[in-house]
PDB file of N, CA and C in Angstrom:
ATOM      1  N   UNK A   1       3.189  29.245   0.548  1.00  0.00           N
ATOM      2  CA  UNK A   1       4.382  28.284   0.862  1.00  0.00           C
ATOM      3  C   UNK A   1       3.358  27.239   0.672  1.00  0.00           C
ATOM      4  N   UNK A   2       4.273  25.968  -0.022  1.00  0.00           N
ATOM      5  CA  UNK A   2       3.882  24.821  -0.091  1.00  0.00           C
ATOM      6  C   UNK A   2       4.661  23.826   0.537  1.00  0.00           C
ATOM      7  N   UNK A   3       3.747  22.657   0.544  1.00  0.00           N
ATOM      8  CA  UNK A   3       4.932  21.193   0.663  1.00  0.00           C
ATOM      9  C   UNK A   3       4.819  20.636   0.282  1.00  0.00           C
ATOM     10  N   UNK A   4       6.470  19.561  -0.532  1.00  0.00           N
ATOM     11  CA  UNK A   4       6.971  18.766  -1.442  1.00  0.00           C
ATOM     12  C   UNK A   4       7.955  17.413  -1.013  1.00  0.00           C
ATOM     13  N   UNK A   5       6.915  16.234  -0.979  1.00  0.00           N
ATOM     14  CA  UNK A   5       7.738  15.428  -0.521  1.00  0.00           C
ATOM     15  C   UNK A   5       7.336  13.880  -1.969  1.00  0.00           C
ATOM     16  N   UNK A   6       8.784  13.516  -1.111  1.00  0.00           N
ATOM     17  CA  UNK A   6       8.740  12.332  -2.582  1.00  0.00           C
ATOM     18  C   UNK A   6       8.895  11.188  -1.215  1.00  0.00           C
ATOM     19  N   UNK A   7       7.961  10.582  -1.809  1.00  0.00           N
ATOM     20  CA  UNK A   7       7.757   8.742  -1.482  1.00  0.00           C
ATOM     21  C   UNK A   7       8.422   7.913  -2.311  1.00  0.00           C
ATOM     22  N   UNK A   8       9.025   7.116  -1.844  1.00  0.00           N
ATOM     23  CA  UNK A   8       9.201   5.963  -2.187  1.00  0.00           C
ATOM     24  C   UNK A   8       9.819   4.879  -0.951  1.00  0.00           C
ATOM     25  N   UNK A   9      10.100   3.401  -1.354  1.00  0.00           N
ATOM     26  CA  UNK A   9       9.981   2.707  -0.253  1.00  0.00           C
ATOM     27  C   UNK A   9      11.451   1.693  -0.993  1.00  0.00           C
ATOM     28  N   UNK A  10      12.579   1.673   0.543  1.00  0.00           N
ATOM     29  CA  UNK A  10      14.168   0.723   0.083  1.00  0.00           C
ATOM     30  C   UNK A  10      13.498  -0.106   0.739  1.00  0.00           C
ATOM     31  N   UNK A  11      14.682  -0.918   0.427  1.00  0.00           N
ATOM     32  CA  UNK A  11      14.463  -2.316   1.276  1.00  0.00           C
ATOM     33  C   UNK A  11      16.388  -2.693   1.161  1.00  0.00           C
ATOM     34  N   UNK A  12      17.626  -3.066   2.318  1.00  0.00           N
ATOM     35  CA  UNK A  12      17.868  -3.060   2.436  1.00  0.00           C
ATOM     36  C   UNK A  12      18.748  -2.081   1.723  1.00  0.00           C
ATOM     37  N   UNK A  13      18.816  -0.197   2.366  1.00  0.00           N
ATOM     38  CA  UNK A  13      18.752   1.173   1.043  1.00  0.00           C
ATOM     39  C   UNK A  13      18.312   0.748   0.217  1.00  0.00           C
ATOM     40  N   UNK A  14      17.727   0.061  -0.185  1.00  0.00           N
ATOM     41  CA  UNK A  14      17.342  -0.142  -2.012  1.00  0.00           C
ATOM     42  C   UNK A  14      15.900   0.494  -2.668  1.00  0.00           C
ATOM     43  N   UNK A  15      15.967   1.446  -3.184  1.00  0.00           N
ATOM     44  CA  UNK A  15      14.815   1.739  -3.576  1.00  0.00           C
ATOM     45  C   UNK A  15      13.671   1.228  -4.565  1.00  0.00           C
ATOM     46  N   UNK A  16      13.499   0.415  -4.276  1.00  0.00           N
ATOM     47  CA  UNK A  16      11.969  -0.087  -4.928  1.00  0.00           C
ATOM     48  C   UNK A  16      10.760   0.232  -5.347  1.00  0.00           C
ATOM     49  N   UNK A  17      10.161   0.609  -5.016  1.00  0.00           N
ATOM     50  CA  UNK A  17       8.932   1.262  -5.171  1.00  0.00           C
ATOM     51  C   UNK A  17       8.903   2.842  -5.205  1.00  0.00           C
ATOM     52  N   UNK A  18       8.718   3.664  -6.141  1.00  0.00           N
ATOM     53  CA  UNK A  18       8.281   5.040  -6.313  1.00  0.00           C
ATOM     54  C   UNK A  18       7.649   5.520  -7.031  1.00  0.00           C
ATOM     55  N   UNK A  19       7.510   6.798  -6.449  1.00  0.00           N
ATOM     56  CA  UNK A  19       6.032   7.217  -8.301  1.00  0.00           C
ATOM     57  C   UNK A  19       6.442   6.857 -10.039  1.00  0.00           C
ATOM     58  N   UNK A  20       8.425   6.233 -10.122  1.00  0.00           N
ATOM     59  CA  UNK A  20       8.727   5.559 -10.973  1.00  0.00           C
ATOM     60  C   UNK A  20       7.373   4.543 -11.988  1.00  0.00           C
ATOM     61  N   UNK A  21       8.180   4.062 -10.545  1.00  0.00           N
ATOM     62  CA  UNK A  21       7.196   2.621 -10.610  1.00  0.00           C
ATOM     63  C   UNK A  21       6.110   2.787 -11.029  1.00  0.00           C
ATOM     64  N   UNK A  22       5.260   3.438  -9.979  1.00  0.00           N
ATOM     65  CA  UNK A  22       4.161   3.419  -9.945  1.00  0.00           C
ATOM     66  C   UNK A  22       2.965   4.082 -11.255  1.00  0.00           C
ATOM     67  N   UNK A  23       3.987   5.229 -12.421  1.00  0.00           N
ATOM     68  CA  UNK A  23       3.488   5.860 -12.910  1.00  0.00           C
ATOM     69  C   UNK A  23       4.231   4.926 -13.681  1.00  0.00           C
ATOM     70  N   UNK A  24       5.095   4.342 -14.599  1.00  0.00           N
ATOM     71  CA  UNK A  24       4.568   3.074 -15.226  1.00  0.00           C
ATOM     72  C   UNK A  24       4.250   1.651 -15.284  1.00  0.00           C
ATOM     73  N   UNK A  25       3.958   1.170 -13.877  1.00  0.00           N
ATOM     74  CA  UNK A  25       2.372   0.406 -13.410  1.00  0.00           C
ATOM     75  C   UNK A  25       1.320   0.415 -14.294  1.00  0.00           C
ATOM     76  N   UNK A  26       1.091   2.084 -13.856  1.00  0.00           N
ATOM     77  CA  UNK A  26      -0.103   2.490 -14.836  1.00  0.00           C
ATOM     78  C   UNK A  26       0.036   2.712 -16.224  1.00  0.00           C
ATOM     79  N   UNK A  27       1.579   2.633 -17.063  1.00  0.00           N
ATOM     80  CA  UNK A  27       1.620   2.749 -17.829  1.00  0.00           C
ATOM     81  C   UNK A  27       1.137   1.784 -18.888  1.00  0.00           C
ATOM     82  N   UNK A  28       1.775   0.818 -18.078  1.00  0.00           N
ATOM     83  CA  UNK A  28       1.346  -1.100 -18.103  1.00  0.00           C
ATOM     84  C   UNK A  28       0.267  -1.208 -18.618  1.00  0.00           C
ATOM     85  N   UNK A  29      -0.399  -1.034 -16.856  1.00  0.00           N
ATOM     86  CA  UNK A  29      -2.457  -1.730 -17.469  1.00  0.00           C
ATOM     87  C   UNK A  29      -2.620  -0.545 -18.958  1.00  0.00           C
ATOM     88  N   UNK A  30      -2.416   0.464 -18.878  1.00  0.00           N
ATOM     89  CA  UNK A  30      -3.108   1.236 -20.138  1.00  0.00           C
ATOM     90  C   UNK A  30      -2.605   1.036 -21.613  1.00  0.00           C
ATOM     91  N   UNK A  31      -1.468   0.656 -22.161  1.00  0.00           N
ATOM     92  CA  UNK A  31      -1.033  -0.249 -22.776  1.00  0.00           C
ATOM     93  C   UNK A  31      -0.522  -1.411 -23.382  1.00  0.00           C
ATOM     94  N   UNK A  32      -0.671  -2.211 -22.171  1.00  0.00           N
ATOM     95  CA  UNK A  32      -0.799  -3.175 -22.373  1.00  0.00           C
ATOM     96  C   UNK A  32       1.301  -3.622 -22.411  1.00  0.00           C
ATOM     97  N   UNK A  33       1.582  -2.884 -22.525  1.00  0.00           N
ATOM     98  CA  UNK A  33       3.116  -3.220 -22.993  1.00  0.00           C
ATOM     99  C   UNK A  33       4.228  -2.540 -21.723  1.00  0.00           C
ATOM    100  N   UNK A  34       5.099  -3.063 -21.887  1.00  0.00           N
ATOM    101  CA  UNK A  34       6.658  -2.137 -20.751  1.00  0.00           C
ATOM    102  C   UNK A  34       7.240  -2.189 -22.152  1.00  0.00           C
ATOM    103  N   UNK A  35       7.472  -1.481 -22.883  1.00  0.00           N
ATOM    104  CA  UNK A  35       8.342  -1.684 -23.836  1.00  0.00           C
ATOM    105  C   UNK A  35       7.352  -0.258 -24.416  1.00  0.00           C
ATOM    106  N   UNK A  36       6.233   0.352 -24.602  1.00  0.00           N
ATOM    107  CA  UNK A  36       5.408   0.727 -24.725  1.00  0.00           C
ATOM    108  C   UNK A  36       5.225   2.737 -23.832  1.00  0.00           C
ATOM    109  N   UNK A  37       4.627   1.672 -22.100  1.00  0.00           N
ATOM    110  CA  UNK A  37       4.912   2.194 -20.818  1.00  0.00           C
ATOM    111  C   UNK A  37       6.234   3.131 -21.197  1.00  0.00           C
ATOM    112  N   UNK A  38       7.199   2.391 -21.061  1.00  0.00           N
ATOM    113  CA  UNK A  38       8.158   2.445 -21.177  1.00  0.00           C
ATOM    114  C   UNK A  38       8.867   4.552 -21.629  1.00  0.00           C
ATOM    115  N   UNK A  39       8.027   3.376 -23.033  1.00  0.00           N
ATOM    116  CA  UNK A  39       8.421   5.146 -24.058  1.00  0.00           C
ATOM    117  C   UNK A  39       7.230   6.078 -23.820  1.00  0.00           C
ATOM    118  N   UNK A  40       6.486   6.391 -22.821  1.00  0.00           N
ATOM    119  CA  UNK A  40       5.774   7.377 -22.205  1.00  0.00           C
ATOM    120  C   UNK A  40       6.100   8.073 -21.817  1.00  0.00           C
ATOM    121  N   UNK A  41       6.888   7.581 -20.964  1.00  0.00           N
ATOM    122  CA  UNK A  41       8.198   8.081 -19.609  1.00  0.00           C
ATOM    123  C   UNK A  41       9.506   8.079 -20.386  1.00  0.00           C
ATOM    124  N   UNK A  42       9.967   8.422 -21.362  1.00  0.00           N
ATOM    125  CA  UNK A  42      11.216   8.634 -21.998  1.00  0.00           C
ATOM    126  C   UNK A  42      12.238   8.071 -21.147  1.00  0.00           C
ATOM    127  N   UNK A  43      11.467   6.857 -21.058  1.00  0.00           N
ATOM    128  CA  UNK A  43      12.666   5.933 -20.273  1.00  0.00           C
ATOM    129  C   UNK A  43      12.898   4.289 -20.881  1.00  0.00           C
ATOM    130  N   UNK A  44      14.295   4.309 -20.890  1.00  0.00           N
ATOM    131  CA  UNK A  44      15.122   3.138 -21.524  1.00  0.00           C
ATOM    132  C   UNK A  44      13.688   1.588 -21.318  1.00  0.00           C
ATOM    133  N   UNK A  45      13.604   0.684 -22.353  1.00  0.00           N
ATOM    134  CA  UNK A  45      13.315  -0.522 -21.981  1.00  0.00           C
ATOM    135  C   UNK A  45      13.966  -1.021 -21.212  1.00  0.00           C
ATOM    136  N   UNK A  46      15.368  -1.268 -20.806  1.00  0.00           N
ATOM    137  CA  UNK A  46      16.483  -1.811 -20.341  1.00  0.00           C
ATOM    138  C   UNK A  46      16.241  -1.289 -18.577  1.00  0.00           C
ATOM    139  N   UNK A  47      15.387   0.268 -18.726  1.00  0.00           N
ATOM    140  CA  UNK A  47      15.650   1.137 -17.585  1.00  0.00           C
ATOM    141  C   UNK A  47      14.163   0.342 -16.681  1.00  0.00           C
ATOM    142  N   UNK A  48      13.938   0.354 -17.826  1.00  0.00           N
ATOM    143  CA  UNK A  48      12.507   0.260 -17.320  1.00  0.00           C
ATOM    144  C   UNK A  48      12.327  -1.305 -16.059  1.00  0.00           C
ATOM    145  N   UNK A  49      12.918  -2.206 -17.479  1.00  0.00           N
ATOM    146  CA  UNK A  49      12.717  -3.866 -17.076  1.00  0.00           C
ATOM    147  C   UNK A  49      13.569  -4.161 -15.574  1.00  0.00           C
ATOM    148  N   UNK A  50      14.367  -3.637 -15.487  1.00  0.00           N
ATOM    149  CA  UNK A  50      15.077  -3.532 -14.575  1.00  0.00           C
ATOM    150  C   UNK A  50      14.436  -2.571 -13.397  1.00  0.00           C
ATOM    151  N   UNK A  51      13.477  -2.047 -12.690  1.00  0.00           N
ATOM    152  CA  UNK A  51      12.461  -1.335 -12.382  1.00  0.00           C
ATOM    153  C   UNK A  51      11.406  -2.191 -11.595  1.00  0.00           C
ATOM    154  N   UNK A  52      10.666  -3.505 -12.903  1.00  0.00           N
ATOM    155  CA  UNK A  52      10.064  -4.186 -12.787  1.00  0.00           C
ATOM    156  C   UNK A  52      10.610  -4.805 -11.760  1.00  0.00           C
ATOM    157  N   UNK A  53      11.535  -5.685 -12.655  1.00  0.00           N
ATOM    158  CA  UNK A  53      12.614  -6.624 -11.972  1.00  0.00           C
ATOM    159  C   UNK A  53      12.915  -6.785 -10.285  1.00  0.00           C
ATOM    160  N   UNK A  54      13.349  -5.562  -9.839  1.00  0.00           N
ATOM    161  CA  UNK A  54      13.540  -5.290  -8.515  1.00  0.00           C
ATOM    162  C   UNK A  54      12.699  -4.872  -7.976  1.00  0.00           C
ATOM    163  N   UNK A  55      11.413  -4.504  -8.074  1.00  0.00           N
ATOM    164  CA  UNK A  55       9.940  -4.624  -7.090  1.00  0.00           C
ATOM    165  C   UNK A  55       9.905  -6.380  -7.471  1.00  0.00           C
ATOM    166  N   UNK A  56       9.616  -6.944  -8.519  1.00  0.00           N
ATOM    167  CA  UNK A  56       8.874  -8.171  -8.144  1.00  0.00           C
ATOM    168  C   UNK A  56      10.363  -8.931  -7.276  1.00  0.00           C
ATOM    169  N   UNK A  57      11.373  -8.838  -6.915  1.00  0.00           N
ATOM    170  CA  UNK A  57      12.119  -9.093  -6.648  1.00  0.00           C
ATOM    171  C   UNK A  57      12.383  -9.278  -5.153  1.00  0.00           C
ATOM    172  N   UNK A  58      12.082  -8.057  -4.456  1.00  0.00           N
ATOM    173  CA  UNK A  58      12.136  -7.308  -3.882  1.00  0.00           C
ATOM    174  C   UNK A  58      10.908  -7.724  -3.017  1.00  0.00           C
ATOM    175  N   UNK A  59       9.911  -7.675  -3.824  1.00  0.00           N
ATOM    176  CA  UNK A  59       8.587  -7.835  -2.788  1.00  0.00           C
ATOM    177  C   UNK A  59       8.135  -9.375  -2.624  1.00  0.00           C
ATOM    178  N   UNK A  60       8.988 -10.335  -3.692  1.00  0.00           N
ATOM    179  CA  UNK A  60       8.714 -11.671  -4.084  1.00  0.00           C
ATOM    180  C   UNK A  60       7.404 -11.785  -3.939  1.00  0.00           C
ATOM    181  N   UNK A  61       7.183 -11.159  -5.113  1.00  0.00           N
ATOM    182  CA  UNK A  61       5.419 -11.238  -6.014  1.00  0.00           C
ATOM    183  C   UNK A  61       5.446 -11.169  -7.137  1.00  0.00           C
ATOM    184  N   UNK A  62       4.294 -11.731  -7.268  1.00  0.00           N
ATOM    185  CA  UNK A  62       4.510 -11.580  -9.152  1.00  0.00           C
ATOM    186  C   UNK A  62       3.369 -10.315  -9.776  1.00  0.00           C
ATOM    187  N   UNK A  63       4.016  -9.205  -9.840  1.00  0.00           N
ATOM    188  CA  UNK A  63       3.406  -8.117 -10.157  1.00  0.00           C
ATOM    189  C   UNK A  63       2.688  -7.892 -11.494  1.00  0.00           C
ATOM    190  N   UNK A  64       3.451  -8.585 -12.538  1.00  0.00           N
ATOM    191  CA  UNK A  64       2.969  -8.719 -13.554  1.00  0.00           C
ATOM    192  C   UNK A  64       3.169  -9.867 -14.914  1.00  0.00           C
ATOM    193  N   UNK A  65       1.780  -9.828 -15.405  1.00  0.00           N
ATOM    194  CA  UNK A  65       1.936 -10.942 -16.415  1.00  0.00           C
ATOM    195  C   UNK A  65       2.887 -10.994 -17.535  1.00  0.00           C
ATOM    196  N   UNK A  66       3.560 -11.703 -18.181  1.00  0.00           N
ATOM    197  CA  UNK A  66       4.267 -10.911 -19.570  1.00  0.00           C
ATOM    198  C   UNK A  66       4.477 -11.993 -20.586  1.00  0.00           C
ATOM    199  N   UNK A  67       3.478 -11.285 -21.790  1.00  0.00           N
ATOM    200  CA  UNK A  67       4.099 -12.399 -23.136  1.00  0.00           C
ATOM    201  C   UNK A  67       4.809 -11.605 -23.848  1.00  0.00           C
ATOM    202  N   UNK A  68       5.057 -12.865 -24.050  1.00  0.00           N
ATOM    203  CA  UNK A  68       5.967 -12.735 -25.890  1.00  0.00           C
ATOM    204  C   UNK A  68       5.278 -13.426 -26.522  1.00  0.00           C
ATOM    205  N   UNK A  69       5.037 -12.827 -27.807  1.00  0.00           N
ATOM    206  CA  UNK A  69       5.047 -13.786 -29.072  1.00  0.00           C
ATOM    207  C   UNK A  69       4.092 -13.449 -30.081  1.00  0.00           C
ATOM    208  N   UNK A  70       4.432 -13.824 -30.902  1.00  0.00           N
ATOM    209  CA  UNK A  70       3.697 -12.733 -32.909  1.00  0.00           C
ATOM    210  C   UNK A  70       4.588 -11.742 -32.854  1.00  0.00           C
ATOM    211  N   UNK A  71       4.568 -11.050 -34.212  1.00  0.00           N
ATOM    212  CA  UNK A  71       5.901  -9.780 -34.596  1.00  0.00           C
ATOM    213  C   UNK A  71       6.259  -8.604 -32.763  1.00  0.00           C
ATOM    214  N   UNK A  72       5.322  -8.798 -32.182  1.00  0.00           N
ATOM    215  CA  UNK A  72       5.937  -7.560 -31.385  1.00  0.00           C
ATOM    216  C   UNK A  72       6.819  -8.077 -30.238  1.00  0.00           C
ATOM    217  N   UNK A  73       6.516  -9.618 -30.065  1.00  0.00           N
ATOM    218  CA  UNK A  73       7.046  -9.865 -28.855  1.00  0.00           C
ATOM    219  C   UNK A  73       7.086  -9.101 -27.652  1.00  0.00           C
ATOM    220  N   UNK A  74       5.984  -8.743 -27.397  1.00  0.00           N
ATOM    221  CA  UNK A  74       5.706  -8.276 -26.194  1.00  0.00           C
ATOM    222  C   UNK A  74       4.393  -7.720 -25.972  1.00  0.00           C
ATOM    223  N   UNK A  75       3.983  -7.660 -24.646  1.00  0.00           N
ATOM    224  CA  UNK A  75       2.418  -7.888 -23.802  1.00  0.00           C
ATOM    225  C   UNK A  75       2.910  -8.003 -22.774  1.00  0.00           C
ATOM    226  N   UNK A  76       2.020  -7.151 -22.181  1.00  0.00           N
ATOM    227  CA  UNK A  76       2.307  -7.296 -20.504  1.00  0.00           C
ATOM    228  C   UNK A  76       0.916  -6.381 -19.531  1.00  0.00           C
ATOM    229  N   UNK A  77       0.533  -7.173 -18.189  1.00  0.00           N
ATOM    230  CA  UNK A  77      -0.811  -6.531 -18.018  1.00  0.00           C
ATOM    231  C   UNK A  77      -0.584  -7.653 -16.582  1.00  0.00           C
ATOM    232  N   UNK A  78      -1.218  -6.824 -15.711  1.00  0.00           N
ATOM    233  CA  UNK A  78      -0.740  -6.392 -14.495  1.00  0.00           C
ATOM    234  C   UNK A  78      -1.700  -7.010 -13.373  1.00  0.00           C
ATOM    235  N   UNK A  79      -1.052  -8.485 -12.809  1.00  0.00           N
ATOM    236  CA  UNK A  79      -1.675  -9.207 -11.633  1.00  0.00           C
ATOM    237  C   UNK A  79      -2.385  -8.849 -11.100  1.00  0.00           C
ATOM    238  N   UNK A  80      -3.263  -9.737 -10.483  1.00  0.00           N
ATOM    239  CA  UNK A  80      -4.215  -9.340  -9.077  1.00  0.00           C
ATOM    240  C   UNK A  80      -3.560  -8.349  -8.721  1.00  0.00           C
ATOM    241  N   UNK A  81      -1.962  -8.605  -7.418  1.00  0.00           N
ATOM    242  CA  UNK A  81      -1.536  -8.473  -6.794  1.00  0.00           C
ATOM    243  C   UNK A  81      -0.498  -7.094  -7.344  1.00  0.00           C
ATOM    244  N   UNK A  82      -1.109  -7.103  -8.261  1.00  0.00           N
ATOM    245  CA  UNK A  82       0.089  -5.678  -9.279  1.00  0.00           C
ATOM    246  C   UNK A  82      -1.488  -4.002  -9.339  1.00  0.00           C
ATOM    247  N   UNK A  83      -2.706  -4.818  -9.764  1.00  0.00           N
ATOM    248  CA  UNK A  83      -3.742  -4.500  -9.879  1.00  0.00           C
ATOM    249  C   UNK A  83      -3.772  -3.981  -7.919  1.00  0.00           C
ATOM    250  N   UNK A  84      -3.685  -4.478  -6.979  1.00  0.00           N
ATOM    251  CA  UNK A  84      -3.763  -3.913  -5.873  1.00  0.00           C
ATOM    252  C   UNK A  84      -2.516  -3.297  -5.092  1.00  0.00           C
ATOM    253  N   UNK A  85      -1.511  -3.018  -5.551  1.00  0.00           N
ATOM    254  CA  UNK A  85      -0.320  -2.363  -5.089  1.00  0.00           C
ATOM    255  C   UNK A  85      -0.282  -1.442  -5.632  1.00  0.00           C
ATOM    256  N   UNK A  86      -0.804  -0.614  -7.336  1.00  0.00           N
ATOM    257  CA  UNK A  86      -1.370   0.133  -7.701  1.00  0.00           C
ATOM    258  C   UNK A  86      -1.888   1.012  -6.930  1.00  0.00           C
ATOM    259  N   UNK A  87      -3.433   0.638  -6.084  1.00  0.00           N
ATOM    260  CA  UNK A  87      -4.713   1.400  -5.681  1.00  0.00           C
ATOM    261  C   UNK A  87      -4.058   1.691  -3.566  1.00  0.00           C
ATOM    262  N   UNK A  88      -3.349   0.361  -3.597  1.00  0.00           N
ATOM    263  CA  UNK A  88      -3.191   0.482  -2.086  1.00  0.00           C
ATOM    264  C   UNK A  88      -1.599   1.503  -2.434  1.00  0.00           C
ATOM    265  N   UNK A  89      -0.480   1.968  -3.059  1.00  0.00           N
ATOM    266  CA  UNK A  89       0.163   2.544  -3.474  1.00  0.00           C
ATOM    267  C   UNK A  89      -0.026   4.066  -3.931  1.00  0.00           C
ATOM    268  N   UNK A  90      -1.045   4.408  -4.380  1.00  0.00           N
ATOM    269  CA  UNK A  90      -1.916   5.338  -4.896  1.00  0.00           C
ATOM    270  C   UNK A  90      -3.290   6.735  -3.204  1.00  0.00           C
ATOM    271  N   UNK A  91      -4.010   5.021  -2.644  1.00  0.00           N
ATOM    272  CA  UNK A  91      -4.736   5.861  -1.192  1.00  0.00           C
ATOM    273  C   UNK A  91      -2.980   5.994  -0.769  1.00  0.00           C
ATOM    274  N   UNK A  92      -1.554   5.554   0.213  1.00  0.00           N
ATOM    275  CA  UNK A  92      -1.234   5.462   1.160  1.00  0.00           C
ATOM    276  C   UNK A  92      -0.032   7.209   0.201  1.00  0.00           C
ATOM    277  N   UNK A  93      -0.334   7.497  -0.707  1.00  0.00           N
ATOM    278  CA  UNK A  93       0.423   8.851  -1.020  1.00  0.00           C
ATOM    279  C   UNK A  93      -0.662   9.798  -0.898  1.00  0.00           C
ATOM    280  N   UNK A  94      -1.635   9.397  -1.289  1.00  0.00           N
ATOM    281  CA  UNK A  94      -2.681  10.200  -1.158  1.00  0.00           C
ATOM    282  C   UNK A  94      -2.768  11.098   0.545  1.00  0.00           C
ATOM    283  N   UNK A  95      -2.602  10.033   1.613  1.00  0.00           N
ATOM    284  CA  UNK A  95      -2.520   9.956   2.656  1.00  0.00           C
ATOM    285  C   UNK A  95      -1.137  10.522   3.304  1.00  0.00           C
ATOM    286  N   UNK A  96      -0.545  10.321   2.924  1.00  0.00           N
ATOM    287  CA  UNK A  96       0.363  11.012   3.561  1.00  0.00           C
ATOM    288  C   UNK A  96       0.807  12.563   3.173  1.00  0.00           C
ATOM    289  N   UNK A  97       0.519  12.958   1.517  1.00  0.00           N
ATOM    290  CA  UNK A  97       0.924  13.979   1.142  1.00  0.00           C
ATOM    291  C   UNK A  97      -0.384  14.963   2.101  1.00  0.00           C
ATOM    292  N   UNK A  98      -1.802  14.104   2.291  1.00  0.00           N
ATOM    293  CA  UNK A  98      -2.926  14.938   3.028  1.00  0.00           C
ATOM    294  C   UNK A  98      -1.992  15.506   4.502  1.00  0.00           C
ATOM    295  N   UNK A  99      -1.244  14.828   5.203  1.00  0.00           N
ATOM    296  CA  UNK A  99      -1.028  14.620   6.061  1.00  0.00           C
ATOM    297  C   UNK A  99       0.433  15.476   6.367  1.00  0.00           C
ATOM    298  N   UNK A 100       1.115  15.785   4.990  1.00  0.00           N
ATOM    299  CA  UNK A 100       2.112  16.095   4.922  1.00  0.00           C
ATOM    300  C   UNK A 100       1.566  17.393   4.848  1.00  0.00           C
ATOM    301  N   UNK A 101       0.580  18.536   4.410  1.00  0.00           N
ATOM    302  CA  UNK A 101       0.259  19.777   3.633  1.00  0.00           C
ATOM    303  C   UNK A 101      -0.281  20.008   5.590  1.00  0.00           C
ATOM    304  N   UNK A 102      -0.796  19.361   5.400  1.00  0.00           N
ATOM    305  CA  UNK A 102      -1.739  19.654   7.236  1.00  0.00           C
ATOM    306  C   UNK A 102      -0.769  20.143   8.181  1.00  0.00           C
ATOM    307  N   UNK A 103       0.456  19.037   8.153  1.00  0.00           N
ATOM    308  CA  UNK A 103       1.068  19.546   9.849  1.00  0.00           C
ATOM    309  C   UNK A 103       2.249  20.760   9.481  1.00  0.00           C
ATOM    310  N   UNK A 104       2.250  21.097   8.144  1.00  0.00           N
ATOM    311  CA  UNK A 104       2.782  22.538   6.753  1.00  0.00           C
ATOM    312  C   UNK A 104       2.386  23.031   7.279  1.00  0.00           C
ATOM    313  N   UNK A 105       1.211  23.524   7.423  1.00  0.00           N
ATOM    314  CA  UNK A 105      -0.043  24.298   7.783  1.00  0.00           C
ATOM    315  C   UNK A 105       0.302  24.859   8.909  1.00  0.00           C
ATOM    316  N   UNK A 106       0.211  23.665   9.676  1.00  0.00           N
ATOM    317  CA  UNK A 106       0.455  23.947  11.796  1.00  0.00           C
ATOM    318  C   UNK A 106       1.777  24.390  11.518  1.00  0.00           C
ATOM    319  N   UNK A 107       2.810  24.328  10.840  1.00  0.00           N
ATOM    320  CA  UNK A 107       3.955  24.446  11.223  1.00  0.00           C
ATOM    321  C   UNK A 107       4.065  26.027  10.904  1.00  0.00           C
ATOM    322  N   UNK A 108       4.155  26.487   9.578  1.00  0.00           N
ATOM    323  CA  UNK A 108       3.531  27.481   8.889  1.00  0.00           C
ATOM    324  C   UNK A 108       3.536  28.594   9.690  1.00  0.00           C
ATOM    325  N   UNK A 109       2.153  28.244  10.473  1.00  0.00           N
ATOM    326  CA  UNK A 109       0.902  29.503  11.342  1.00  0.00           C
ATOM    327  C   UNK A 109       1.830  29.520  12.107  1.00  0.00           C
ATOM    328  N   UNK A 110       2.707  28.453  12.952  1.00  0.00           N
ATOM    329  CA  UNK A 110       3.686  28.438  14.542  1.00  0.00           C
ATOM    330  C   UNK A 110       5.061  29.696  14.126  1.00  0.00           C
ATOM    331  N   UNK A 111       4.995  29.494  12.763  1.00  0.00           N
ATOM    332  CA  UNK A 111       6.327  29.860  13.276  1.00  0.00           C
ATOM    333  C   UNK A 111       6.172  31.128  11.884  1.00  0.00           C
ATOM    334  N   UNK A 112       5.230  31.864  11.707  1.00  0.00           N
ATOM    335  CA  UNK A 112       4.590  32.640  10.712  1.00  0.00           C
ATOM    336  C   UNK A 112       5.592  33.040   9.530  1.00  0.00           C
ATOM    337  N   UNK A 113       5.292  31.235   8.683  1.00  0.00           N
ATOM    338  CA  UNK A 113       5.800  31.701   7.772  1.00  0.00           C
ATOM    339  C   UNK A 113       4.951  32.857   6.669  1.00  0.00           C
ATOM    340  N   UNK A 114       4.297  32.983   6.267  1.00  0.00           N
ATOM    341  CA  UNK A 114       3.320  33.496   5.578  1.00  0.00           C
ATOM    342  C   UNK A 114       3.720  35.392   5.826  1.00  0.00           C
ATOM    343  N   UNK A 115       4.887  35.871   7.787  1.00  0.00           N
ATOM    344  CA  UNK A 115       5.131  36.880   7.836  1.00  0.00           C
ATOM    345  C   UNK A 115       5.482  37.376   6.493  1.00  0.00           C
TER     346      UNK A 115
END
């Protein structure tokens, strides 16, 4: 047996940061494109854009540098704040999952889940 948890941040009952946004930010970092990162996740561009706009609006911080121009009319990169958010979210997620795993082991042994 194992424990699985879903971590996401909310503000005024509205989700603004979770694993999906995290993966989207990693995709933007990898591809330099919101559209390409969204396609890689099988998300519509509009959905991805909405997630990113909600993130920036809620945090009141610029997370992306967005560029327009040329034939492709796309391009994006993470700001320093965006880079920091990715690193800190990753660290936070690992700590929470580790804690949850340890606590589940304690719970499991006390309740004898494996018997």
